Amino acid sequence: MDCDGDGQTNATECTNNTDPLDPCSNTYTTAATLCAYVTANPTSPLALADCDNGGIINIIECQNGGDPLDPADDCACDQQWCSRYLCDLGSKSNKPIGKC
C-alpha cells in the first residue's frame, strides 16, 4: 500500500523513516529520480505536490527542466507564474515588484 502516492510503499517509507502520509517525504534525493517518477505518473500526488515549497508543482518543474527539490529555480521554470505572483505581491504592498 502507498497511502501518499509517492511510488514508495508504506512499509518502505517506515523502514526509511519517511512519512507514508506525505508525498514529499520519500527517498528521492535527486531531481532525476523524483522527475523520473512524476513524469511516469503525472497525476500522482507527488507530481501535483510542491516539495521544495517554491510555488511550482513538481511535474511542471520536471517538464521545464527544473529541480523540484530546489525552490531557487522555480521562477526560471515558470516565468508567467512568477510575473503574476510578483505583480500580485506588488499590488498588495503598494510597491512595484518586477515588470507588471
PDB file of N, CA and C in Angstrom:
ATOM      1  N   MET A   1       0.842  -1.177   0.000  1.00  0.00           N
ATOM      2  CA  MET A   1       0.000   0.000   0.000  1.00  0.00           C
ATOM      3  C   MET A   1       0.896   1.252   0.000  1.00  0.00           C
ATOM      4  N   ASP A   2       0.462   2.263  -0.739  1.00  0.00           N
ATOM      5  CA  ASP A   2       1.184   3.533  -0.838  1.00  0.00           C
ATOM      6  C   ASP A   2       0.192   4.659  -0.542  1.00  0.00           C
ATOM      7  N   CYS A   3       0.004   4.975   0.710  1.00  0.00           N
ATOM      8  CA  CYS A   3      -1.033   5.933   1.116  1.00  0.00           C
ATOM      9  C   CYS A   3      -0.824   7.344   0.574  1.00  0.00           C
ATOM     10  N   ASP A   4       0.418   7.767   0.388  1.00  0.00           N
ATOM     11  CA  ASP A   4       0.644   9.144  -0.051  1.00  0.00           C
ATOM     12  C   ASP A   4       0.894   9.277  -1.551  1.00  0.00           C
ATOM     13  N   GLY A   5       0.907   8.170  -2.285  1.00  0.00           N
ATOM     14  CA  GLY A   5       1.026   8.232  -3.741  1.00  0.00           C
ATOM     15  C   GLY A   5       2.365   8.699  -4.260  1.00  0.00           C
ATOM     16  N   ASP A   6       3.442   8.416  -3.524  1.00  0.00           N
ATOM     17  CA  ASP A   6       4.763   8.846  -3.989  1.00  0.00           C
ATOM     18  C   ASP A   6       5.561   7.728  -4.658  1.00  0.00           C
ATOM     19  N   GLY A   7       4.915   6.582  -4.855  1.00  0.00           N
ATOM     20  CA  GLY A   7       5.587   5.476  -5.518  1.00  0.00           C
ATOM     21  C   GLY A   7       6.389   4.585  -4.596  1.00  0.00           C
ATOM     22  N   GLN A   8       6.353   4.870  -3.306  1.00  0.00           N
ATOM     23  CA  GLN A   8       7.064   4.056  -2.323  1.00  0.00           C
ATOM     24  C   GLN A   8       6.038   3.505  -1.346  1.00  0.00           C
ATOM     25  N   THR A   9       6.117   2.195  -1.094  1.00  0.00           N
ATOM     26  CA  THR A   9       5.130   1.582  -0.202  1.00  0.00           C
ATOM     27  C   THR A   9       5.259   2.133   1.206  1.00  0.00           C
ATOM     28  N   ASN A  10       4.189   2.017   1.967  1.00  0.00           N
ATOM     29  CA  ASN A  10       4.214   2.445   3.369  1.00  0.00           C
ATOM     30  C   ASN A  10       5.301   1.705   4.138  1.00  0.00           C
ATOM     31  N   ALA A  11       5.456   0.410   3.871  1.00  0.00           N
ATOM     32  CA  ALA A  11       6.482  -0.376   4.564  1.00  0.00           C
ATOM     33  C   ALA A  11       7.876   0.169   4.255  1.00  0.00           C
ATOM     34  N   THR A  12       8.124   0.496   2.984  1.00  0.00           N
ATOM     35  CA  THR A  12       9.422   1.064   2.602  1.00  0.00           C
ATOM     36  C   THR A  12       9.641   2.393   3.294  1.00  0.00           C
ATOM     37  N   GLU A  13       8.603   3.216   3.342  1.00  0.00           N
ATOM     38  CA  GLU A  13       8.745   4.518   3.995  1.00  0.00           C
ATOM     39  C   GLU A  13       9.014   4.360   5.494  1.00  0.00           C
ATOM     40  N   CYS A  14       8.347   3.419   6.127  1.00  0.00           N
ATOM     41  CA  CYS A  14       8.593   3.198   7.556  1.00  0.00           C
ATOM     42  C   CYS A  14      10.020   2.709   7.789  1.00  0.00           C
ATOM     43  N   THR A  15      10.499   1.828   6.916  1.00  0.00           N
ATOM     44  CA  THR A  15      11.874   1.333   7.016  1.00  0.00           C
ATOM     45  C   THR A  15      12.876   2.476   6.839  1.00  0.00           C
ATOM     46  N   ASN A  16      12.552   3.426   5.944  1.00  0.00           N
ATOM     47  CA  ASN A  16      13.464   4.535   5.643  1.00  0.00           C
ATOM     48  C   ASN A  16      13.214   5.768   6.504  1.00  0.00           C
ATOM     49  N   ASN A  17      12.328   5.636   7.490  1.00  0.00           N
ATOM     50  CA  ASN A  17      11.983   6.759   8.369  1.00  0.00           C
ATOM     51  C   ASN A  17      11.447   7.970   7.622  1.00  0.00           C
ATOM     52  N   THR A  18      10.662   7.713   6.573  1.00  0.00           N
ATOM     53  CA  THR A  18       9.958   8.790   5.892  1.00  0.00           C
ATOM     54  C   THR A  18       8.477   8.660   6.229  1.00  0.00           C
ATOM     55  N   ASP A  19       7.699   9.685   5.944  1.00  0.00           N
ATOM     56  CA  ASP A  19       6.295   9.743   6.334  1.00  0.00           C
ATOM     57  C   ASP A  19       5.415   9.140   5.242  1.00  0.00           C
ATOM     58  N   PRO A  20       4.756   8.016   5.514  1.00  0.00           N
ATOM     59  CA  PRO A  20       3.917   7.382   4.494  1.00  0.00           C
ATOM     60  C   PRO A  20       2.635   8.152   4.170  1.00  0.00           C
ATOM     61  N   LEU A  21       2.410   9.272   4.834  1.00  0.00           N
ATOM     62  CA  LEU A  21       1.237  10.098   4.551  1.00  0.00           C
ATOM     63  C   LEU A  21       1.596  11.419   3.869  1.00  0.00           C
ATOM     64  N   ASP A  22       2.872  11.638   3.592  1.00  0.00           N
ATOM     65  CA  ASP A  22       3.340  12.884   2.972  1.00  0.00           C
ATOM     66  C   ASP A  22       4.095  12.539   1.683  1.00  0.00           C
ATOM     67  N   PRO A  23       3.543  12.902   0.508  1.00  0.00           N
ATOM     68  CA  PRO A  23       4.215  12.539  -0.741  1.00  0.00           C
ATOM     69  C   PRO A  23       5.613  13.155  -0.891  1.00  0.00           C
ATOM     70  N   CYS A  24       5.879  14.233  -0.191  1.00  0.00           N
ATOM     71  CA  CYS A  24       7.202  14.865  -0.291  1.00  0.00           C
ATOM     72  C   CYS A  24       8.219  14.270   0.672  1.00  0.00           C
ATOM     73  N   SER A  25       7.757  13.403   1.556  1.00  0.00           N
ATOM     74  CA  SER A  25       8.663  12.721   2.473  1.00  0.00           C
ATOM     75  C   SER A  25       8.939  11.343   1.876  1.00  0.00           C
ATOM     76  N   ASN A  26      10.062  11.229   1.189  1.00  0.00           N
ATOM     77  CA  ASN A  26      10.398   9.999   0.477  1.00  0.00           C
ATOM     78  C   ASN A  26      11.907   9.893   0.341  1.00  0.00           C
ATOM     79  N   THR A  27      12.375   8.928  -0.412  1.00  0.00           N
ATOM     80  CA  THR A  27      13.823   8.754  -0.571  1.00  0.00           C
ATOM     81  C   THR A  27      14.330   9.245  -1.925  1.00  0.00           C
ATOM     82  N   TYR A  28      13.528  10.036  -2.649  1.00  0.00           N
ATOM     83  CA  TYR A  28      14.006  10.637  -3.893  1.00  0.00           C
ATOM     84  C   TYR A  28      14.921  11.801  -3.500  1.00  0.00           C
ATOM     85  N   THR A  29      16.204  11.624  -3.677  1.00  0.00           N
ATOM     86  CA  THR A  29      17.156  12.637  -3.213  1.00  0.00           C
ATOM     87  C   THR A  29      17.735  13.485  -4.336  1.00  0.00           C
ATOM     88  N   THR A  30      17.385  13.176  -5.581  1.00  0.00           N
ATOM     89  CA  THR A  30      17.858  13.984  -6.701  1.00  0.00           C
ATOM     90  C   THR A  30      16.685  14.351  -7.594  1.00  0.00           C
ATOM     91  N   ALA A  31      16.844  15.416  -8.340  1.00  0.00           N
ATOM     92  CA  ALA A  31      15.803  15.816  -9.285  1.00  0.00           C
ATOM     93  C   ALA A  31      15.560  14.708 -10.300  1.00  0.00           C
ATOM     94  N   ALA A  32      16.605  14.030 -10.721  1.00  0.00           N
ATOM     95  CA  ALA A  32      16.467  12.979 -11.734  1.00  0.00           C
ATOM     96  C   ALA A  32      15.557  11.854 -11.265  1.00  0.00           C
ATOM     97  N   THR A  33      15.744  11.396 -10.027  1.00  0.00           N
ATOM     98  CA  THR A  33      14.920  10.285  -9.545  1.00  0.00           C
ATOM     99  C   THR A  33      13.483  10.729  -9.295  1.00  0.00           C
ATOM    100  N   LEU A  34      13.312  11.915  -8.739  1.00  0.00           N
ATOM    101  CA  LEU A  34      11.963  12.410  -8.500  1.00  0.00           C
ATOM    102  C   LEU A  34      11.260  12.665  -9.828  1.00  0.00           C
ATOM    103  N   CYS A  35      11.939  13.292 -10.780  1.00  0.00           N
ATOM    104  CA  CYS A  35      11.337  13.595 -12.079  1.00  0.00           C
ATOM    105  C   CYS A  35      11.019  12.323 -12.860  1.00  0.00           C
ATOM    106  N   ALA A  36      11.836  11.299 -12.730  1.00  0.00           N
ATOM    107  CA  ALA A  36      11.536  10.036 -13.409  1.00  0.00           C
ATOM    108  C   ALA A  36      10.194   9.493 -12.939  1.00  0.00           C
ATOM    109  N   TYR A  37       9.949   9.545 -11.628  1.00  0.00           N
ATOM    110  CA  TYR A  37       8.679   9.050 -11.106  1.00  0.00           C
ATOM    111  C   TYR A  37       7.513   9.939 -11.533  1.00  0.00           C
ATOM    112  N   VAL A  38       7.627  11.254 -11.361  1.00  0.00           N
ATOM    113  CA  VAL A  38       6.480  12.115 -11.657  1.00  0.00           C
ATOM    114  C   VAL A  38       6.199  12.195 -13.153  1.00  0.00           C
ATOM    115  N   THR A  39       7.217  12.065 -13.980  1.00  0.00           N
ATOM    116  CA  THR A  39       6.994  12.067 -15.426  1.00  0.00           C
ATOM    117  C   THR A  39       6.213  10.822 -15.844  1.00  0.00           C
ATOM    118  N   ALA A  40       6.516   9.703 -15.210  1.00  0.00           N
ATOM    119  CA  ALA A  40       5.793   8.459 -15.494  1.00  0.00           C
ATOM    120  C   ALA A  40       4.409   8.438 -14.851  1.00  0.00           C
ATOM    121  N   ASN A  41       4.204   9.282 -13.833  1.00  0.00           N
ATOM    122  CA  ASN A  41       2.944   9.318 -13.080  1.00  0.00           C
ATOM    123  C   ASN A  41       2.498  10.766 -12.889  1.00  0.00           C
ATOM    124  N   PRO A  42       2.149  11.467 -13.983  1.00  0.00           N
ATOM    125  CA  PRO A  42       1.921  12.914 -13.912  1.00  0.00           C
ATOM    126  C   PRO A  42       0.709  13.374 -13.115  1.00  0.00           C
ATOM    127  N   THR A  43      -0.180  12.471 -12.748  1.00  0.00           N
ATOM    128  CA  THR A  43      -1.330  12.878 -11.945  1.00  0.00           C
ATOM    129  C   THR A  43      -1.242  12.352 -10.513  1.00  0.00           C
ATOM    130  N   SER A  44      -0.093  11.803 -10.152  1.00  0.00           N
ATOM    131  CA  SER A  44       0.091  11.281  -8.794  1.00  0.00           C
ATOM    132  C   SER A  44       0.158  12.432  -7.789  1.00  0.00           C
ATOM    133  N   PRO A  45      -0.122  12.143  -6.529  1.00  0.00           N
ATOM    134  CA  PRO A  45       0.006  13.184  -5.507  1.00  0.00           C
ATOM    135  C   PRO A  45       1.413  13.791  -5.472  1.00  0.00           C
ATOM    136  N   LEU A  46       2.446  12.993  -5.736  1.00  0.00           N
ATOM    137  CA  LEU A  46       3.807  13.526  -5.738  1.00  0.00           C
ATOM    138  C   LEU A  46       4.014  14.488  -6.904  1.00  0.00           C
ATOM    139  N   ALA A  47       3.462  14.170  -8.069  1.00  0.00           N
ATOM    140  CA  ALA A  47       3.591  15.052  -9.232  1.00  0.00           C
ATOM    141  C   ALA A  47       2.901  16.390  -8.983  1.00  0.00           C
ATOM    142  N   LEU A  48       1.787  16.355  -8.267  1.00  0.00           N
ATOM    143  CA  LEU A  48       0.992  17.566  -8.043  1.00  0.00           C
ATOM    144  C   LEU A  48       1.400  18.322  -6.786  1.00  0.00           C
ATOM    145  N   ALA A  49       2.350  17.776  -6.042  1.00  0.00           N
ATOM    146  CA  ALA A  49       2.856  18.455  -4.844  1.00  0.00           C
ATOM    147  C   ALA A  49       3.960  19.446  -5.221  1.00  0.00           C
ATOM    148  N   ASP A  50       4.293  20.314  -4.295  1.00  0.00           N
ATOM    149  CA  ASP A  50       5.395  21.271  -4.450  1.00  0.00           C
ATOM    150  C   ASP A  50       6.389  20.978  -3.334  1.00  0.00           C
ATOM    151  N   CYS A  51       7.253  20.000  -3.564  1.00  0.00           N
ATOM    152  CA  CYS A  51       8.131  19.508  -2.496  1.00  0.00           C
ATOM    153  C   CYS A  51       9.167  20.516  -2.030  1.00  0.00           C
ATOM    154  N   ASP A  52       9.526  21.483  -2.869  1.00  0.00           N
ATOM    155  CA  ASP A  52      10.506  22.474  -2.427  1.00  0.00           C
ATOM    156  C   ASP A  52       9.844  23.750  -1.912  1.00  0.00           C
ATOM    157  N   ASN A  53       8.506  23.761  -1.908  1.00  0.00           N
ATOM    158  CA  ASN A  53       7.742  24.928  -1.441  1.00  0.00           C
ATOM    159  C   ASN A  53       8.122  26.220  -2.148  1.00  0.00           C
ATOM    160  N   GLY A  54       8.497  26.101  -3.416  1.00  0.00           N
ATOM    161  CA  GLY A  54       8.873  27.287  -4.179  1.00  0.00           C
ATOM    162  C   GLY A  54       7.721  27.900  -4.960  1.00  0.00           C
ATOM    163  N   GLY A  55       6.569  27.211  -4.981  1.00  0.00           N
ATOM    164  CA  GLY A  55       5.407  27.774  -5.658  1.00  0.00           C
ATOM    165  C   GLY A  55       5.043  27.097  -6.963  1.00  0.00           C
ATOM    166  N   ILE A  56       5.870  26.194  -7.460  1.00  0.00           N
ATOM    167  CA  ILE A  56       5.603  25.485  -8.708  1.00  0.00           C
ATOM    168  C   ILE A  56       5.528  23.997  -8.392  1.00  0.00           C
ATOM    169  N   ILE A  57       4.478  23.319  -8.883  1.00  0.00           N
ATOM    170  CA  ILE A  57       4.336  21.897  -8.586  1.00  0.00           C
ATOM    171  C   ILE A  57       5.442  21.091  -9.272  1.00  0.00           C
ATOM    172  N   ASN A  58       5.726  19.943  -8.705  1.00  0.00           N
ATOM    173  CA  ASN A  58       6.836  19.101  -9.159  1.00  0.00           C
ATOM    174  C   ASN A  58       6.780  18.767 -10.643  1.00  0.00           C
ATOM    175  N   ILE A  59       5.616  18.382 -11.156  1.00  0.00           N
ATOM    176  CA  ILE A  59       5.541  17.966 -12.556  1.00  0.00           C
ATOM    177  C   ILE A  59       5.892  19.122 -13.489  1.00  0.00           C
ATOM    178  N   ILE A  60       5.485  20.327 -13.168  1.00  0.00           N
ATOM    179  CA  ILE A  60       5.812  21.496 -14.009  1.00  0.00           C
ATOM    180  C   ILE A  60       7.314  21.753 -13.969  1.00  0.00           C
ATOM    181  N   GLU A  61       7.906  21.675 -12.800  1.00  0.00           N
ATOM    182  CA  GLU A  61       9.359  21.854 -12.703  1.00  0.00           C
ATOM    183  C   GLU A  61      10.079  20.809 -13.538  1.00  0.00           C
ATOM    184  N   CYS A  62       9.659  19.561 -13.425  1.00  0.00           N
ATOM    185  CA  CYS A  62      10.313  18.490 -14.177  1.00  0.00           C
ATOM    186  C   CYS A  62      10.139  18.683 -15.678  1.00  0.00           C
ATOM    187  N   GLN A  63       8.949  19.035 -16.108  1.00  0.00           N
ATOM    188  CA  GLN A  63       8.695  19.232 -17.538  1.00  0.00           C
ATOM    189  C   GLN A  63       9.501  20.383 -18.110  1.00  0.00           C
ATOM    190  N   ASN A  64       9.867  21.344 -17.272  1.00  0.00           N
ATOM    191  CA  ASN A  64      10.609  22.516 -17.745  1.00  0.00           C
ATOM    192  C   ASN A  64      12.089  22.467 -17.390  1.00  0.00           C
ATOM    193  N   GLY A  65      12.573  21.298 -16.990  1.00  0.00           N
ATOM    194  CA  GLY A  65      13.995  21.136 -16.721  1.00  0.00           C
ATOM    195  C   GLY A  65      14.452  21.680 -15.387  1.00  0.00           C
ATOM    196  N   GLY A  66      13.527  21.930 -14.483  1.00  0.00           N
ATOM    197  CA  GLY A  66      13.889  22.450 -13.174  1.00  0.00           C
ATOM    198  C   GLY A  66      14.174  21.355 -12.173  1.00  0.00           C
ATOM    199  N   ASP A  67      14.456  21.774 -10.967  1.00  0.00           N
ATOM    200  CA  ASP A  67      14.750  20.853  -9.871  1.00  0.00           C
ATOM    201  C   ASP A  67      13.641  20.974  -8.832  1.00  0.00           C
ATOM    202  N   PRO A  68      12.766  19.971  -8.719  1.00  0.00           N
ATOM    203  CA  PRO A  68      11.665  20.064  -7.767  1.00  0.00           C
ATOM    204  C   PRO A  68      12.090  19.976  -6.309  1.00  0.00           C
ATOM    205  N   LEU A  69      13.396  19.877  -6.077  1.00  0.00           N
ATOM    206  CA  LEU A  69      13.908  19.864  -4.705  1.00  0.00           C
ATOM    207  C   LEU A  69      14.626  21.170  -4.358  1.00  0.00           C
ATOM    208  N   ASP A  70      14.612  22.134  -5.292  1.00  0.00           N
ATOM    209  CA  ASP A  70      15.312  23.405  -5.098  1.00  0.00           C
ATOM    210  C   ASP A  70      14.376  24.571  -5.412  1.00  0.00           C
ATOM    211  N   PRO A  71      13.921  25.309  -4.409  1.00  0.00           N
ATOM    212  CA  PRO A  71      12.980  26.406  -4.665  1.00  0.00           C
ATOM    213  C   PRO A  71      13.596  27.567  -5.448  1.00  0.00           C
ATOM    214  N   ALA A  72      14.904  27.649  -5.486  1.00  0.00           N
ATOM    215  CA  ALA A  72      15.566  28.788  -6.131  1.00  0.00           C
ATOM    216  C   ALA A  72      15.326  28.835  -7.635  1.00  0.00           C
ATOM    217  N   ASP A  73      14.992  27.704  -8.264  1.00  0.00           N
ATOM    218  CA  ASP A  73      14.826  27.714  -9.713  1.00  0.00           C
ATOM    219  C   ASP A  73      13.364  27.779 -10.145  1.00  0.00           C
ATOM    220  N   ASP A  74      12.441  27.976  -9.225  1.00  0.00           N
ATOM    221  CA  ASP A  74      11.031  27.935  -9.591  1.00  0.00           C
ATOM    222  C   ASP A  74      10.646  29.025 -10.584  1.00  0.00           C
ATOM    223  N   CYS A  75      11.142  30.224 -10.443  1.00  0.00           N
ATOM    224  CA  CYS A  75      10.795  31.285 -11.396  1.00  0.00           C
ATOM    225  C   CYS A  75      11.381  31.006 -12.777  1.00  0.00           C
ATOM    226  N   ALA A  76      12.519  30.369 -12.835  1.00  0.00           N
ATOM    227  CA  ALA A  76      13.104  30.017 -14.131  1.00  0.00           C
ATOM    228  C   ALA A  76      12.232  28.979 -14.838  1.00  0.00           C
ATOM    229  N   CYS A  77      11.502  28.194 -14.063  1.00  0.00           N
ATOM    230  CA  CYS A  77      10.657  27.145 -14.643  1.00  0.00           C
ATOM    231  C   CYS A  77       9.322  27.673 -15.141  1.00  0.00           C
ATOM    232  N   ASP A  78       8.846  28.741 -14.589  1.00  0.00           N
ATOM    233  CA  ASP A  78       7.531  29.247 -14.967  1.00  0.00           C
ATOM    234  C   ASP A  78       7.514  30.762 -14.841  1.00  0.00           C
ATOM    235  N   GLN A  79       8.056  31.435 -15.848  1.00  0.00           N
ATOM    236  CA  GLN A  79       8.145  32.898 -15.824  1.00  0.00           C
ATOM    237  C   GLN A  79       6.773  33.552 -15.755  1.00  0.00           C
ATOM    238  N   GLN A  80       5.775  32.977 -16.437  1.00  0.00           N
ATOM    239  CA  GLN A  80       4.440  33.565 -16.426  1.00  0.00           C
ATOM    240  C   GLN A  80       3.868  33.555 -15.011  1.00  0.00           C
ATOM    241  N   TRP A  81       4.029  32.424 -14.299  1.00  0.00           N
ATOM    242  CA  TRP A  81       3.547  32.361 -12.918  1.00  0.00           C
ATOM    243  C   TRP A  81       4.256  33.395 -12.066  1.00  0.00           C
ATOM    244  N   CYS A  82       5.572  33.503 -12.218  1.00  0.00           N
ATOM    245  CA  CYS A  82       6.332  34.442 -11.394  1.00  0.00           C
ATOM    246  C   CYS A  82       5.926  35.876 -11.673  1.00  0.00           C
ATOM    247  N   SER A  83       5.684  36.198 -12.924  1.00  0.00           N
ATOM    248  CA  SER A  83       5.261  37.558 -13.251  1.00  0.00           C
ATOM    249  C   SER A  83       3.941  37.881 -12.561  1.00  0.00           C
ATOM    250  N   ARG A  84       2.983  36.945 -12.629  1.00  0.00           N
ATOM    251  CA  ARG A  84       1.689  37.173 -11.969  1.00  0.00           C
ATOM    252  C   ARG A  84       1.871  37.276 -10.461  1.00  0.00           C
ATOM    253  N   TYR A  85       2.672  36.372  -9.896  1.00  0.00           N
ATOM    254  CA  TYR A  85       2.883  36.348  -8.449  1.00  0.00           C
ATOM    255  C   TYR A  85       3.544  37.640  -7.978  1.00  0.00           C
ATOM    256  N   LEU A  86       4.579  38.071  -8.670  1.00  0.00           N
ATOM    257  CA  LEU A  86       5.285  39.289  -8.278  1.00  0.00           C
ATOM    258  C   LEU A  86       4.384  40.509  -8.440  1.00  0.00           C
ATOM    259  N   CYS A  87       3.576  40.521  -9.487  1.00  0.00           N
ATOM    260  CA  CYS A  87       2.639  41.632  -9.660  1.00  0.00           C
ATOM    261  C   CYS A  87       1.618  41.657  -8.538  1.00  0.00           C
ATOM    262  N   ASP A  88       1.114  40.476  -8.170  1.00  0.00           N
ATOM    263  CA  ASP A  88       0.164  40.404  -7.060  1.00  0.00           C
ATOM    264  C   ASP A  88       0.805  40.902  -5.770  1.00  0.00           C
ATOM    265  N   LEU A  89       2.043  40.511  -5.523  1.00  0.00           N
ATOM    266  CA  LEU A  89       2.731  40.980  -4.323  1.00  0.00           C
ATOM    267  C   LEU A  89       2.877  42.493  -4.342  1.00  0.00           C
ATOM    268  N   GLY A  90       3.233  43.030  -5.508  1.00  0.00           N
ATOM    269  CA  GLY A  90       3.401  44.472  -5.627  1.00  0.00           C
ATOM    270  C   GLY A  90       2.111  45.219  -5.382  1.00  0.00           C
ATOM    271  N   SER A  91       1.004  44.704  -5.922  1.00  0.00           N
ATOM    272  CA  SER A  91      -0.266  45.402  -5.744  1.00  0.00           C
ATOM    273  C   SER A  91      -0.745  45.318  -4.295  1.00  0.00           C
ATOM    274  N   LYS A  92      -0.433  44.228  -3.607  1.00  0.00           N
ATOM    275  CA  LYS A  92      -0.857  44.086  -2.218  1.00  0.00           C
ATOM    276  C   LYS A  92      -0.026  44.952  -1.277  1.00  0.00           C
ATOM    277  N   SER A  93       1.216  45.221  -1.674  1.00  0.00           N
ATOM    278  CA  SER A  93       2.075  46.017  -0.799  1.00  0.00           C
ATOM    279  C   SER A  93       2.197  47.459  -1.275  1.00  0.00           C
ATOM    280  N   ASN A  94       1.513  47.767  -2.385  1.00  0.00           N
ATOM    281  CA  ASN A  94       1.601  49.097  -2.995  1.00  0.00           C
ATOM    282  C   ASN A  94       3.021  49.449  -3.411  1.00  0.00           C
ATOM    283  N   LYS A  95       3.820  48.439  -3.666  1.00  0.00           N
ATOM    284  CA  LYS A  95       5.180  48.673  -4.135  1.00  0.00           C
ATOM    285  C   LYS A  95       5.357  47.903  -5.435  1.00  0.00           C
ATOM    286  N   PRO A  96       5.922  48.557  -6.438  1.00  0.00           N
ATOM    287  CA  PRO A  96       6.136  47.823  -7.693  1.00  0.00           C
ATOM    288  C   PRO A  96       7.224  46.762  -7.513  1.00  0.00           C
ATOM    289  N   ILE A  97       6.903  45.556  -7.905  1.00  0.00           N
ATOM    290  CA  ILE A  97       7.860  44.466  -7.853  1.00  0.00           C
ATOM    291  C   ILE A  97       7.882  43.831  -9.234  1.00  0.00           C
ATOM    292  N   GLY A  98       8.993  43.830  -9.885  1.00  0.00           N
ATOM    293  CA  GLY A  98       9.081  43.231 -11.219  1.00  0.00           C
ATOM    294  C   GLY A  98       8.345  44.082 -12.245  1.00  0.00           C
ATOM    295  N   LYS A  99       8.229  43.519 -13.439  1.00  0.00           N
ATOM    296  CA  LYS A  99       7.531  44.215 -14.522  1.00  0.00           C
ATOM    297  C   LYS A  99       6.110  43.695 -14.589  1.00  0.00           C
ATOM    298  N   CYS A 100       5.135  44.585 -14.428  1.00  0.00           N
ATOM    299  CA  CYS A 100       3.732  44.160 -14.466  1.00  0.00           C
ATOM    300  C   CYS A 100       3.048  44.715 -15.714  1.00  0.00           C
TER     301      CYS A 100
END
